[in-house]
Amino acid sequence: MKHDEIQWQKSSHSSGGDGGQCIEIATEGDTVLLRESDTPGTVVTTTPEKLRAFLLGIKAGEFDHFTEAPPEG
């Protein structure tokens, strides 16, 4: 299946007037696909198990420091 035929889903929390600030997710067989909406040709693949571990880490706050503004200096 071509990536442009896949049913991509994005979060309702995505922001930006042009919708360009979001990550989209889809499945293709047993593979999970991830892409940024503003660069749809670049697709990252993973497994449901790895995605689950990552999402549990997000829910636990393990990656919150990546969303903080860098210190001014």
Protein backbone atom coordinates (compact mmCIF):
# COMPACT_ATOMS: atom_id res chain seq x y z
CA MET A 1 0.00 0.00 0.00
CA LYS A 2 1.28 3.47 -0.84
CA HIS A 3 1.64 5.91 2.04
CA ASP A 4 -0.75 8.35 0.35
CA GLU A 5 -3.52 5.70 0.42
CA ILE A 6 -3.24 5.11 4.18
CA GLN A 7 -5.82 6.53 6.60
CA TRP A 8 -3.74 8.82 8.79
CA GLN A 9 -5.02 10.00 12.17
CA LYS A 10 -3.88 13.02 14.16
CA SER A 11 -4.58 14.14 17.68
CA SER A 12 -7.38 16.55 18.44
CA HIS A 13 -4.72 18.42 20.46
CA SER A 14 -2.75 19.30 17.34
CA SER A 15 -2.28 23.02 16.96
CA GLY A 16 -1.40 25.58 14.37
CA GLY A 17 -3.62 27.46 11.99
CA ASP A 18 -2.43 25.45 9.01
CA GLY A 19 -2.54 22.14 10.87
CA GLY A 20 1.20 21.73 10.31
CA GLN A 21 2.10 21.15 13.95
CA CYS A 22 1.04 17.58 14.42
CA ILE A 23 2.21 14.02 14.23
CA GLU A 24 0.00 11.58 12.37
CA ILE A 25 -0.25 7.86 12.99
CA ALA A 26 -1.54 4.91 10.97
CA THR A 27 -1.11 1.18 10.64
CA GLU A 28 -0.08 -0.92 7.68
CA GLY A 29 -0.40 -4.60 8.51
CA ASP A 30 1.51 -5.22 11.75
CA THR A 31 3.51 -1.99 11.39
CA VAL A 32 2.77 1.36 13.03
CA LEU A 33 3.56 4.39 10.88
CA LEU A 34 4.33 7.88 12.18
CA ARG A 35 4.87 11.09 10.24
CA GLU A 36 4.81 14.84 10.67
CA SER A 37 1.98 16.47 8.77
CA ASP A 38 4.27 19.10 7.23
CA THR A 39 6.68 16.42 5.88
CA PRO A 40 4.36 13.57 4.92
CA GLY A 41 6.96 11.85 2.76
CA THR A 42 9.12 11.01 5.77
CA VAL A 43 7.59 8.05 7.58
CA VAL A 44 8.96 6.34 10.69
CA THR A 45 7.93 2.76 11.33
CA THR A 46 7.72 0.82 14.58
CA THR A 47 5.85 -2.02 16.22
CA PRO A 48 2.73 -1.77 18.39
CA GLU A 49 4.78 -3.02 21.37
CA LYS A 50 7.45 -0.33 21.00
CA LEU A 51 4.82 2.36 20.51
CA ARG A 52 3.02 1.19 23.66
CA ALA A 53 6.24 1.44 25.69
CA PHE A 54 6.87 4.92 24.31
CA LEU A 55 3.31 6.10 25.06
CA LEU A 56 3.57 4.75 28.61
CA GLY A 57 6.76 6.79 29.00
CA ILE A 58 4.95 9.88 27.72
CA LYS A 59 2.09 9.35 30.16
CA ALA A 60 4.61 8.95 32.98
CA GLY A 61 6.22 12.30 32.08
CA GLU A 62 9.56 10.80 31.08
CA PHE A 63 9.89 13.06 28.03
CA ASP A 64 8.41 16.31 29.36
CA HIS A 65 11.83 17.99 29.32
CA PHE A 66 11.80 17.86 25.51
CA THR A 67 8.87 20.29 25.42
CA GLU A 68 10.39 22.88 27.73
CA ALA A 69 11.80 26.10 26.30
CA PRO A 70 15.60 26.20 26.25
CA PRO A 71 17.20 28.41 28.89
CA GLU A 72 17.89 31.95 27.74
CA GLY A 73 21.53 32.82 27.65
